[in-house]
Amino acid sequence: MKTPAPPTRSLEALRQMTPARVGLGRSGASMPTDALLAFTLDHARARDAVHAALDAQQLAAELAGLGLQVSEVCSQARNRRDYLRRPDLGRMLDPDSRRVLEKQGGSANEVAIVIGDGLSPAAVNVHAVELVRHLAPRLTEAGIPCGHVVVASGARVALGDEIGAVLGARMVVMLIGERPGLSAPDSLGAYLTFAPRIGLTDEKRNCVSNIHGAGLSHDEAAFKIAWLVREGIARQVTGVALKDESGTALIAARPID
């Protein structure tokens, strides 16, 4: 018996399923003007996201409004130019900031949440507070108090290791702006590290990425992060040793119709 051919989809239907650039067409040997202009606009948005200013004071005020203890710190990158040219400076706390956190040592309890500008401060300005608003209650339900949030300017992912170590946290959750893409200039990522300390490398971390309007929602991301925090603390590992099985837990939690 002949196997029926799979159904075909038009390019227009495919374009509706993805923000990726597919089926752009052509005009002679070049792409159409509309496609070229759209590419140029998205490229400009990505560049703007990289150079956007982190609104640290507004973030701190909104987080404090959630009943959280908030500190503001900065890395050794003095400006955006240094940050982009010297990634190493974004991984180390400014000495004054370190002294501020040392006075609060031990206040993080189980988890410290760090919010860093990363390569898309625009993503942090838009999504960070809403993600914490969804995440904090889930951590509380799991018996993991979320009492301390640090807003870090000029931050790379590894800056969270030093912050978590200074605060005495068992786990650090680093929320940071991801490198902008041509379809998502405001994507937020979350990096989780158990027993944070200076010198850790990326295989020790779990990552929940693509948190933005057309990607992972705040609530979905909060569910995944809370699951990883709970399991990471229980098993005392993160990274390659901790597989994300939150999807199985989410299916099990859904009511049966």
Protein backbone atom coordinates (compact mmCIF):
# COMPACT_ATOMS: atom_id res chain seq x y z
CA MET A 1 0.00 0.00 0.00
CA LYS A 2 1.37 3.37 -1.02
CA THR A 3 2.15 5.72 1.86
CA PRO A 4 0.23 8.97 1.47
CA ALA A 5 2.32 12.07 0.94
CA PRO A 6 2.54 14.41 3.92
CA PRO A 7 0.40 17.55 3.66
CA THR A 8 2.14 20.55 2.17
CA ARG A 9 2.27 23.98 3.74
CA SER A 10 2.52 27.27 1.95
CA LEU A 11 5.40 29.60 2.70
CA GLU A 12 2.89 32.05 4.15
CA ALA A 13 1.67 29.41 6.62
CA LEU A 14 5.28 28.64 7.55
CA ARG A 15 6.02 32.32 8.18
CA GLN A 16 3.07 32.50 10.57
CA MET A 17 4.58 29.69 12.67
CA THR A 18 7.99 31.24 13.26
CA PRO A 19 9.64 34.65 13.57
CA ALA A 20 12.62 33.22 11.64
CA ARG A 21 13.33 34.61 8.19
CA VAL A 22 11.92 32.02 5.79
CA GLY A 23 10.49 32.36 2.32
CA LEU A 24 11.62 35.95 1.87
CA GLY A 25 11.36 35.79 -1.89
CA ARG A 26 13.65 37.65 -4.24
CA SER A 27 13.83 40.56 -6.60
CA GLY A 28 16.22 39.61 -9.36
CA ALA A 29 19.39 38.44 -7.61
CA SER A 30 18.54 40.28 -4.37
CA MET A 31 15.95 40.09 -1.64
CA PRO A 32 12.81 42.23 -1.88
CA THR A 33 12.92 45.76 -0.50
CA ASP A 34 10.40 44.96 2.26
CA ALA A 35 12.54 42.07 3.52
CA LEU A 36 15.69 44.20 3.44
CA LEU A 37 14.03 47.02 5.37
CA ALA A 38 12.67 44.58 7.96
CA PHE A 39 16.14 43.09 8.43
CA THR A 40 17.68 46.55 8.83
CA LEU A 41 15.05 47.52 11.42
CA ASP A 42 15.54 44.33 13.46
CA HIS A 43 19.32 44.80 13.34
CA ALA A 44 18.91 48.35 14.66
CA ARG A 45 16.63 47.11 17.46
CA ALA A 46 19.23 44.53 18.47
CA ARG A 47 21.96 47.19 18.60
CA ASP A 48 19.72 49.51 20.62
CA ALA A 49 19.01 46.70 23.11
CA VAL A 50 22.74 46.18 23.71
CA HIS A 51 23.33 49.88 24.40
CA ALA A 52 20.14 50.52 26.39
CA ALA A 53 20.53 51.83 29.95
CA LEU A 54 19.62 49.60 32.88
CA ASP A 55 17.04 51.36 35.04
CA ALA A 56 18.48 50.02 38.29
CA GLN A 57 16.68 52.45 40.58
CA GLN A 58 13.27 51.69 39.10
CA LEU A 59 13.93 47.95 39.27
CA ALA A 60 14.99 48.23 42.90
CA ALA A 61 11.90 50.25 43.79
CA GLU A 62 9.53 47.77 42.12
CA LEU A 63 11.26 44.78 43.74
CA ALA A 64 11.08 46.44 47.14
CA GLY A 65 7.36 46.87 46.48
CA LEU A 66 7.14 43.07 46.34
CA GLY A 67 8.43 42.92 49.90
CA LEU A 68 11.96 41.90 48.96
CA GLN A 69 15.25 43.11 50.38
CA VAL A 70 17.10 44.78 47.50
CA SER A 71 20.73 45.81 47.04
CA GLU A 72 22.31 47.63 44.10
CA VAL A 73 25.86 46.76 43.03
CA CYS A 74 28.08 47.13 40.00
CA SER A 75 30.90 45.21 38.40
CA GLN A 76 34.37 46.53 37.68
CA ALA A 77 33.24 47.60 34.19
CA ARG A 78 32.94 51.36 34.60
CA ASN A 79 30.90 52.00 31.48
CA ARG A 80 29.26 50.18 28.58
CA ARG A 81 32.37 50.53 26.44
CA ASP A 82 34.49 48.73 29.05
CA TYR A 83 31.76 46.15 29.54
CA LEU A 84 31.70 45.19 25.85
CA ARG A 85 35.47 45.25 25.38
CA ARG A 86 36.49 43.62 28.67
CA PRO A 87 34.18 40.71 29.57
CA ASP A 88 36.46 39.85 32.50
CA LEU A 89 35.57 43.12 34.26
CA GLY A 90 31.89 42.20 34.16
CA ARG A 91 32.63 39.01 36.12
CA MET A 92 34.13 40.80 39.15
CA LEU A 93 32.45 42.97 41.76
CA ASP A 94 33.50 46.54 42.25
CA PRO A 95 35.36 46.67 45.63
CA ASP A 96 32.83 49.09 47.16
CA SER A 97 29.95 46.87 46.07
CA ARG A 98 31.65 43.84 47.57
CA ARG A 99 32.03 45.62 50.91
CA VAL A 100 28.33 46.51 50.88
CA LEU A 101 27.38 42.86 50.36
CA GLU A 102 29.87 41.61 52.93
CA LYS A 103 28.01 43.61 55.58
CA GLN A 104 24.90 41.62 54.60
CA GLY A 105 26.63 38.23 54.51
CA GLY A 106 24.34 35.33 55.34
CA SER A 107 21.20 37.34 54.55
CA ALA A 108 20.51 35.38 51.38
CA ASN A 109 19.56 32.17 53.25
CA GLU A 110 18.92 29.49 50.63
CA VAL A 111 18.60 31.53 47.43
CA ALA A 112 19.97 34.83 46.16
CA ILE A 113 18.40 36.30 43.04
CA VAL A 114 20.70 38.52 41.00
CA ILE A 115 19.36 40.69 38.21
CA GLY A 116 22.07 41.78 35.78
CA ASP A 117 21.87 43.90 32.65
CA GLY A 118 23.93 41.54 30.49
CA LEU A 119 23.89 42.08 26.74
CA SER A 120 20.28 43.32 26.71
CA PRO A 121 19.42 45.76 29.48
CA ALA A 122 16.19 46.30 27.54
CA ALA A 123 15.14 42.72 28.33
CA VAL A 124 15.82 43.22 32.04
CA ASN A 125 13.87 46.48 32.18
CA VAL A 126 10.85 44.78 30.59
CA HIS A 127 10.80 41.27 32.07
CA ALA A 128 12.84 40.96 35.28
CA VAL A 129 10.33 42.27 37.83
CA GLU A 130 7.42 40.34 36.33
CA LEU A 131 9.45 37.15 36.37
CA VAL A 132 10.35 37.67 40.04
CA ARG A 133 6.69 38.43 40.77
CA HIS A 134 5.79 34.97 39.45
CA LEU A 135 8.86 33.21 40.86
CA ALA A 136 8.85 34.37 44.49
CA PRO A 137 5.49 32.75 45.42
CA ARG A 138 6.54 29.45 43.84
CA LEU A 139 9.74 29.42 45.88
CA THR A 140 7.79 30.26 49.04
CA GLU A 141 5.37 27.38 48.35
CA ALA A 142 8.38 25.08 48.07
CA GLY A 143 9.62 26.22 51.48
CA ILE A 144 12.46 28.23 49.97
CA PRO A 145 12.25 31.85 51.12
CA CYS A 146 13.26 34.48 48.60
CA GLY A 147 14.33 37.41 50.71
CA HIS A 148 17.27 39.06 48.92
CA VAL A 149 17.54 40.40 45.39
CA VAL A 150 20.64 42.09 44.00
CA VAL A 151 20.44 44.44 40.99
CA ALA A 152 23.84 44.41 39.28
CA SER A 153 25.03 46.86 36.61
CA GLY A 154 27.70 45.85 34.10
CA ALA A 155 27.08 42.20 34.88
CA ARG A 156 28.16 39.02 33.16
CA VAL A 157 26.72 35.66 34.24
CA ALA A 158 29.69 34.74 36.43
CA LEU A 159 29.23 37.88 38.56
CA GLY A 160 26.41 36.00 40.25
CA ASP A 161 28.92 33.45 41.58
CA GLU A 162 30.82 36.08 43.55
CA ILE A 163 27.61 37.73 44.77
CA GLY A 164 26.14 34.42 45.91
CA ALA A 165 29.36 33.46 47.67
CA VAL A 166 29.59 36.78 49.52
CA LEU A 167 25.96 36.54 50.64
CA GLY A 168 26.37 32.93 51.74
CA ALA A 169 23.65 31.63 49.42
CA ARG A 170 23.31 27.93 48.72
CA MET A 171 21.91 28.74 45.28
CA VAL A 172 22.14 31.79 43.04
CA VAL A 173 19.60 32.57 40.33
CA MET A 174 21.03 35.03 37.81
CA LEU A 175 18.45 36.79 35.64
CA ILE A 176 20.27 38.51 32.81
CA GLY A 177 19.65 40.04 29.40
CA GLU A 178 20.61 37.60 26.64
CA ARG A 179 22.52 38.51 23.50
CA PRO A 180 19.88 40.12 21.24
CA GLY A 181 18.82 38.26 18.13
CA LEU A 182 17.22 39.63 15.00
CA SER A 183 13.83 38.30 16.12
CA ALA A 184 14.15 38.79 19.91
CA PRO A 185 16.04 41.87 21.14
CA ASP A 186 14.46 41.63 24.61
CA SER A 187 15.11 38.03 25.63
CA LEU A 188 15.86 37.28 29.30
CA GLY A 189 17.81 34.27 30.53
CA ALA A 190 18.06 32.64 33.97
CA TYR A 191 21.23 30.87 35.14
CA LEU A 192 21.13 28.71 38.27
CA THR A 193 24.23 27.68 40.21
CA PHE A 194 24.42 25.58 43.36
CA ALA A 195 27.15 26.48 45.90
CA PRO A 196 28.25 29.59 43.98
CA ARG A 197 31.89 30.60 44.19
CA ILE A 198 34.43 32.41 42.07
CA GLY A 199 35.96 30.31 39.31
CA LEU A 200 33.00 28.10 38.39
CA THR A 201 32.47 27.35 34.72
CA ASP A 202 29.31 26.98 32.68
CA GLU A 203 28.88 23.22 33.03
CA LYS A 204 27.98 23.91 36.67
CA ARG A 205 24.92 25.95 35.68
CA ASN A 206 21.40 25.28 34.45
CA CYS A 207 19.89 27.77 32.02
CA VAL A 208 16.30 28.74 31.28
CA SER A 209 16.41 30.96 28.20
CA ASN A 210 14.22 32.82 25.71
CA ILE A 211 11.98 34.48 28.28
CA HIS A 212 10.14 37.14 26.30
CA GLY A 213 6.80 37.98 24.72
CA ALA A 214 7.12 35.54 21.81
CA GLY A 215 9.02 32.92 23.80
CA LEU A 216 8.72 31.45 27.30
CA SER A 217 6.15 33.30 29.40
CA HIS A 218 6.93 34.66 32.87
CA ASP A 219 4.79 31.99 34.54
CA GLU A 220 6.26 29.12 32.50
CA ALA A 221 9.77 30.33 33.20
CA ALA A 222 9.00 30.73 36.92
CA PHE A 223 7.72 27.15 37.06
CA LYS A 224 10.92 25.82 35.46
CA ILE A 225 13.22 27.94 37.60
CA ALA A 226 11.43 27.03 40.85
CA TRP A 227 11.63 23.33 39.94
CA LEU A 228 15.36 23.59 39.24
CA VAL A 229 15.98 25.53 42.45
CA ARG A 230 14.08 23.00 44.54
CA GLU A 231 15.71 19.97 42.95
CA GLY A 232 19.14 21.58 42.81
CA ILE A 233 19.12 22.29 46.54
CA ALA A 234 17.70 18.85 47.36
CA ARG A 235 20.31 17.05 45.23
CA GLN A 236 23.06 19.61 45.90
CA VAL A 237 23.95 19.94 42.22
CA THR A 238 23.24 22.07 39.17
CA GLY A 239 24.53 22.03 35.62
CA VAL A 240 25.15 18.84 33.65
CA ALA A 241 24.40 16.78 36.77
CA LEU A 242 20.84 18.15 36.99
CA LYS A 243 18.54 17.35 34.08
CA ASP A 244 15.54 19.65 33.64
CA GLU A 245 12.54 17.37 34.12
CA SER A 246 10.15 20.17 35.03
CA GLY A 247 8.08 19.39 31.94
CA THR A 248 7.10 16.01 33.40
CA ALA A 249 6.11 17.71 36.65
CA LEU A 250 4.04 20.27 34.77
CA ILE A 251 2.11 17.58 32.88
CA ALA A 252 1.47 15.70 36.13
CA ALA A 253 0.13 18.88 37.75
CA ARG A 254 -2.46 19.53 35.02
CA PRO A 255 -6.00 18.44 35.83
CA ILE A 256 -7.46 15.58 33.81
CA ASP A 257 -10.53 16.61 31.79
